[in-house]
């Protein structure tokens, strides 16, 4: 019987996410840009509303 899948530790979530980010570079950059723009818009909107 082969128990090799039991002895190898599963890759961590961070490692899988980094591998996925490298493979899907354009999508990751788009999502990062959208997240940054959205966060900036929220901060500017709050600053405008609370002035």
PDB file of N, CA and C in Angstrom:
ATOM      1  N   UNK A   1       0.830  -1.193   0.000  1.00  0.00           N
ATOM      2  CA  UNK A   1       0.000   0.000   0.000  1.00  0.00           C
ATOM      3  C   UNK A   1       0.871   1.251   0.000  1.00  0.00           C
ATOM      4  N   UNK A   2       0.337   2.299  -0.589  1.00  0.00           N
ATOM      5  CA  UNK A   2       1.087   3.545  -0.671  1.00  0.00           C
ATOM      6  C   UNK A   2       0.507   4.557   0.312  1.00  0.00           C
ATOM      7  N   UNK A   3       1.306   4.902   1.312  1.00  0.00           N
ATOM      8  CA  UNK A   3       0.883   5.890   2.300  1.00  0.00           C
ATOM      9  C   UNK A   3       1.638   7.201   2.126  1.00  0.00           C
ATOM     10  N   UNK A   4       2.123   7.455   0.920  1.00  0.00           N
ATOM     11  CA  UNK A   4       2.925   8.665   0.713  1.00  0.00           C
ATOM     12  C   UNK A   4       2.095   9.931   0.888  1.00  0.00           C
ATOM     13  N   UNK A   5       0.800   9.844   0.567  1.00  0.00           N
ATOM     14  CA  UNK A   5      -0.033  11.032   0.732  1.00  0.00           C
ATOM     15  C   UNK A   5      -0.283  11.344   2.209  1.00  0.00           C
ATOM     16  N   UNK A   6      -0.075  10.375   3.077  1.00  0.00           N
ATOM     17  CA  UNK A   6      -0.258  10.617   4.504  1.00  0.00           C
ATOM     18  C   UNK A   6       0.987  11.212   5.145  1.00  0.00           C
ATOM     19  N   UNK A   7       2.155  10.885   4.620  1.00  0.00           N
ATOM     20  CA  UNK A   7       3.390  11.355   5.240  1.00  0.00           C
ATOM     21  C   UNK A   7       3.746  12.774   4.802  1.00  0.00           C
ATOM     22  N   UNK A   8       3.332  13.167   3.595  1.00  0.00           N
ATOM     23  CA  UNK A   8       3.655  14.515   3.127  1.00  0.00           C
ATOM     24  C   UNK A   8       2.680  15.512   3.743  1.00  0.00           C
ATOM     25  N   UNK A   9       3.203  16.597   4.309  1.00  0.00           N
ATOM     26  CA  UNK A   9       2.293  17.607   4.864  1.00  0.00           C
ATOM     27  C   UNK A   9       1.568  18.340   3.730  1.00  0.00           C
ATOM     28  N   UNK A  10       0.326  18.693   3.988  1.00  0.00           N
ATOM     29  CA  UNK A  10      -0.406  19.449   2.972  1.00  0.00           C
ATOM     30  C   UNK A  10       0.179  20.845   2.879  1.00  0.00           C
ATOM     31  N   UNK A  11       0.244  21.404   1.662  1.00  0.00           N
ATOM     32  CA  UNK A  11       0.754  22.768   1.532  1.00  0.00           C
ATOM     33  C   UNK A  11      -0.152  23.747   2.278  1.00  0.00           C
ATOM     34  N   UNK A  12       0.441  24.752   2.844  1.00  0.00           N
ATOM     35  CA  UNK A  12      -0.342  25.712   3.608  1.00  0.00           C
ATOM     36  C   UNK A  12      -1.202  26.552   2.668  1.00  0.00           C
ATOM     37  N   UNK A  13      -2.216  27.166   3.242  1.00  0.00           N
ATOM     38  CA  UNK A  13      -3.116  28.023   2.467  1.00  0.00           C
ATOM     39  C   UNK A  13      -2.341  29.162   1.814  1.00  0.00           C
ATOM     40  N   UNK A  14      -1.386  29.730   2.547  1.00  0.00           N
ATOM     41  CA  UNK A  14      -0.602  30.849   2.018  1.00  0.00           C
ATOM     42  C   UNK A  14       0.233  30.393   0.819  1.00  0.00           C
ATOM     43  N   UNK A  15       0.830  29.217   0.938  1.00  0.00           N
ATOM     44  CA  UNK A  15       1.645  28.703  -0.164  1.00  0.00           C
ATOM     45  C   UNK A  15       0.788  28.477  -1.409  1.00  0.00           C
ATOM     46  N   UNK A  16      -0.402  27.900  -1.225  1.00  0.00           N
ATOM     47  CA  UNK A  16      -1.306  27.687  -2.352  1.00  0.00           C
ATOM     48  C   UNK A  16      -1.754  29.010  -2.961  1.00  0.00           C
ATOM     49  N   UNK A  17      -2.040  29.992  -2.110  1.00  0.00           N
ATOM     50  CA  UNK A  17      -2.472  31.302  -2.605  1.00  0.00           C
ATOM     51  C   UNK A  17      -1.358  31.981  -3.388  1.00  0.00           C
ATOM     52  N   UNK A  18      -0.124  31.872  -2.898  1.00  0.00           N
ATOM     53  CA  UNK A  18       1.001  32.485  -3.610  1.00  0.00           C
ATOM     54  C   UNK A  18       1.219  31.801  -4.960  1.00  0.00           C
ATOM     55  N   UNK A  19       1.124  30.472  -4.987  1.00  0.00           N
ATOM     56  CA  UNK A  19       1.292  29.743  -6.246  1.00  0.00           C
ATOM     57  C   UNK A  19       0.212  30.149  -7.241  1.00  0.00           C
ATOM     58  N   UNK A  20      -1.020  30.273  -6.749  1.00  0.00           N
ATOM     59  CA  UNK A  20      -2.135  30.666  -7.601  1.00  0.00           C
ATOM     60  C   UNK A  20      -1.941  32.094  -8.125  1.00  0.00           C
ATOM     61  N   UNK A  21      -1.411  32.970  -7.256  1.00  0.00           N
ATOM     62  CA  UNK A  21      -1.197  34.362  -7.644  1.00  0.00           C
ATOM     63  C   UNK A  21      -0.150  34.469  -8.747  1.00  0.00           C
ATOM     64  N   UNK A  22       0.888  33.635  -8.671  1.00  0.00           N
ATOM     65  CA  UNK A  22       1.935  33.658  -9.696  1.00  0.00           C
ATOM     66  C   UNK A  22       1.394  33.120 -11.020  1.00  0.00           C
ATOM     67  N   UNK A  23       0.570  32.069 -10.944  1.00  0.00           N
ATOM     68  CA  UNK A  23       0.036  31.473 -12.167  1.00  0.00           C
ATOM     69  C   UNK A  23      -0.983  32.377 -12.845  1.00  0.00           C
ATOM     70  N   UNK A  24      -1.774  33.100 -12.057  1.00  0.00           N
ATOM     71  CA  UNK A  24      -2.816  33.962 -12.609  1.00  0.00           C
ATOM     72  C   UNK A  24      -2.474  35.420 -12.333  1.00  0.00           C
ATOM     73  N   UNK A  25      -1.330  35.838 -12.832  1.00  0.00           N
ATOM     74  CA  UNK A  25      -0.767  37.153 -12.528  1.00  0.00           C
ATOM     75  C   UNK A  25      -1.691  38.308 -12.911  1.00  0.00           C
ATOM     76  N   UNK A  26      -2.238  38.289 -14.124  1.00  0.00           N
ATOM     77  CA  UNK A  26      -3.056  39.409 -14.598  1.00  0.00           C
ATOM     78  C   UNK A  26      -4.316  39.557 -13.754  1.00  0.00           C
ATOM     79  N   UNK A  27      -4.973  38.448 -13.467  1.00  0.00           N
ATOM     80  CA  UNK A  27      -6.183  38.487 -12.647  1.00  0.00           C
ATOM     81  C   UNK A  27      -5.869  39.007 -11.248  1.00  0.00           C
ATOM     82  N   UNK A  28      -4.757  38.556 -10.693  1.00  0.00           N
ATOM     83  CA  UNK A  28      -4.378  39.005  -9.355  1.00  0.00           C
ATOM     84  C   UNK A  28      -4.101  40.497  -9.339  1.00  0.00           C
ATOM     85  N   UNK A  29      -3.431  40.992 -10.367  1.00  0.00           N
ATOM     86  CA  UNK A  29      -3.135  42.426 -10.427  1.00  0.00           C
ATOM     87  C   UNK A  29      -4.415  43.248 -10.588  1.00  0.00           C
ATOM     88  N   UNK A  30      -5.347  42.742 -11.386  1.00  0.00           N
ATOM     89  CA  UNK A  30      -6.635  43.436 -11.546  1.00  0.00           C
ATOM     90  C   UNK A  30      -7.374  43.507 -10.219  1.00  0.00           C
ATOM     91  N   UNK A  31      -7.430  42.375  -9.511  1.00  0.00           N
ATOM     92  CA  UNK A  31      -8.130  42.351  -8.228  1.00  0.00           C
ATOM     93  C   UNK A  31      -7.447  43.255  -7.210  1.00  0.00           C
ATOM     94  N   UNK A  32      -6.119  43.256  -7.221  1.00  0.00           N
ATOM     95  CA  UNK A  32      -5.386  44.125  -6.301  1.00  0.00           C
ATOM     96  C   UNK A  32      -5.677  45.591  -6.604  1.00  0.00           C
ATOM     97  N   UNK A  33      -5.681  45.948  -7.894  1.00  0.00           N
ATOM     98  CA  UNK A  33      -5.955  47.333  -8.289  1.00  0.00           C
ATOM     99  C   UNK A  33      -7.383  47.731  -7.915  1.00  0.00           C
ATOM    100  N   UNK A  34      -8.343  46.832  -8.151  1.00  0.00           N
ATOM    101  CA  UNK A  34      -9.735  47.143  -7.794  1.00  0.00           C
ATOM    102  C   UNK A  34      -9.904  47.295  -6.285  1.00  0.00           C
ATOM    103  N   UNK A  35      -9.246  46.441  -5.524  1.00  0.00           N
ATOM    104  CA  UNK A  35      -9.332  46.527  -4.062  1.00  0.00           C
ATOM    105  C   UNK A  35      -8.725  47.837  -3.567  1.00  0.00           C
ATOM    106  N   UNK A  36      -7.568  48.194  -4.128  1.00  0.00           N
ATOM    107  CA  UNK A  36      -6.908  49.439  -3.731  1.00  0.00           C
ATOM    108  C   UNK A  36      -7.769  50.644  -4.080  1.00  0.00           C
ATOM    109  N   UNK A  37      -8.322  50.659  -5.295  1.00  0.00           N
ATOM    110  CA  UNK A  37      -9.169  51.774  -5.717  1.00  0.00           C
ATOM    111  C   UNK A  37     -10.427  51.861  -4.852  1.00  0.00           C
ATOM    112  N   UNK A  38     -11.027  50.723  -4.546  1.00  0.00           N
ATOM    113  CA  UNK A  38     -12.222  50.716  -3.712  1.00  0.00           C
ATOM    114  C   UNK A  38     -11.946  51.225  -2.307  1.00  0.00           C
ATOM    115  N   UNK A  39     -10.854  50.774  -1.729  1.00  0.00           N
ATOM    116  CA  UNK A  39     -10.490  51.219  -0.385  1.00  0.00           C
ATOM    117  C   UNK A  39     -10.192  52.718  -0.374  1.00  0.00           C
ATOM    118  N   UNK A  40      -9.489  53.185  -1.385  1.00  0.00           N
ATOM    119  CA  UNK A  40      -9.190  54.613  -1.488  1.00  0.00           C
ATOM    120  C   UNK A  40     -10.475  55.417  -1.641  1.00  0.00           C
ATOM    121  N   UNK A  41     -11.410  54.921  -2.455  1.00  0.00           N
ATOM    122  CA  UNK A  41     -12.688  55.620  -2.642  1.00  0.00           C
ATOM    123  C   UNK A  41     -13.468  55.689  -1.325  1.00  0.00           C
ATOM    124  N   UNK A  42     -13.465  54.606  -0.571  1.00  0.00           N
ATOM    125  CA  UNK A  42     -14.161  54.601   0.724  1.00  0.00           C
ATOM    126  C   UNK A  42     -13.521  55.609   1.674  1.00  0.00           C
ATOM    127  N   UNK A  43     -12.208  55.631   1.732  1.00  0.00           N
ATOM    128  CA  UNK A  43     -11.527  56.571   2.632  1.00  0.00           C
ATOM    129  C   UNK A  43     -11.765  58.018   2.226  1.00  0.00           C
ATOM    130  N   UNK A  44     -11.689  58.299   0.923  1.00  0.00           N
ATOM    131  CA  UNK A  44     -11.938  59.665   0.455  1.00  0.00           C
ATOM    132  C   UNK A  44     -13.391  60.056   0.706  1.00  0.00           C
ATOM    133  N   UNK A  45     -14.319  59.112   0.476  1.00  0.00           N
ATOM    134  CA  UNK A  45     -15.730  59.393   0.741  1.00  0.00           C
ATOM    135  C   UNK A  45     -15.988  59.684   2.204  1.00  0.00           C
ATOM    136  N   UNK A  46     -15.377  58.900   3.091  1.00  0.00           N
ATOM    137  CA  UNK A  46     -15.536  59.163   4.529  1.00  0.00           C
ATOM    138  C   UNK A  46     -14.929  60.494   4.921  1.00  0.00           C
ATOM    139  N   UNK A  47     -13.783  60.811   4.350  1.00  0.00           N
ATOM    140  CA  UNK A  47     -13.140  62.095   4.662  1.00  0.00           C
ATOM    141  C   UNK A  47     -14.030  63.253   4.191  1.00  0.00           C
ATOM    142  N   UNK A  48     -14.671  63.082   3.041  1.00  0.00           N
ATOM    143  CA  UNK A  48     -15.548  64.121   2.524  1.00  0.00           C
ATOM    144  C   UNK A  48     -16.790  64.276   3.396  1.00  0.00           C
ATOM    145  N   UNK A  49     -17.363  63.147   3.816  1.00  0.00           N
ATOM    146  CA  UNK A  49     -18.584  63.200   4.616  1.00  0.00           C
ATOM    147  C   UNK A  49     -18.353  63.739   6.024  1.00  0.00           C
ATOM    148  N   UNK A  50     -17.162  63.531   6.561  1.00  0.00           N
ATOM    149  CA  UNK A  50     -16.913  63.932   7.955  1.00  0.00           C
ATOM    150  C   UNK A  50     -16.117  65.216   8.066  1.00  0.00           C
ATOM    151  N   UNK A  51     -16.018  65.968   6.992  1.00  0.00           N
ATOM    152  CA  UNK A  51     -15.219  67.209   7.073  1.00  0.00           C
ATOM    153  C   UNK A  51     -15.963  68.301   7.826  1.00  0.00           C
TER     154      UNK A  51
END
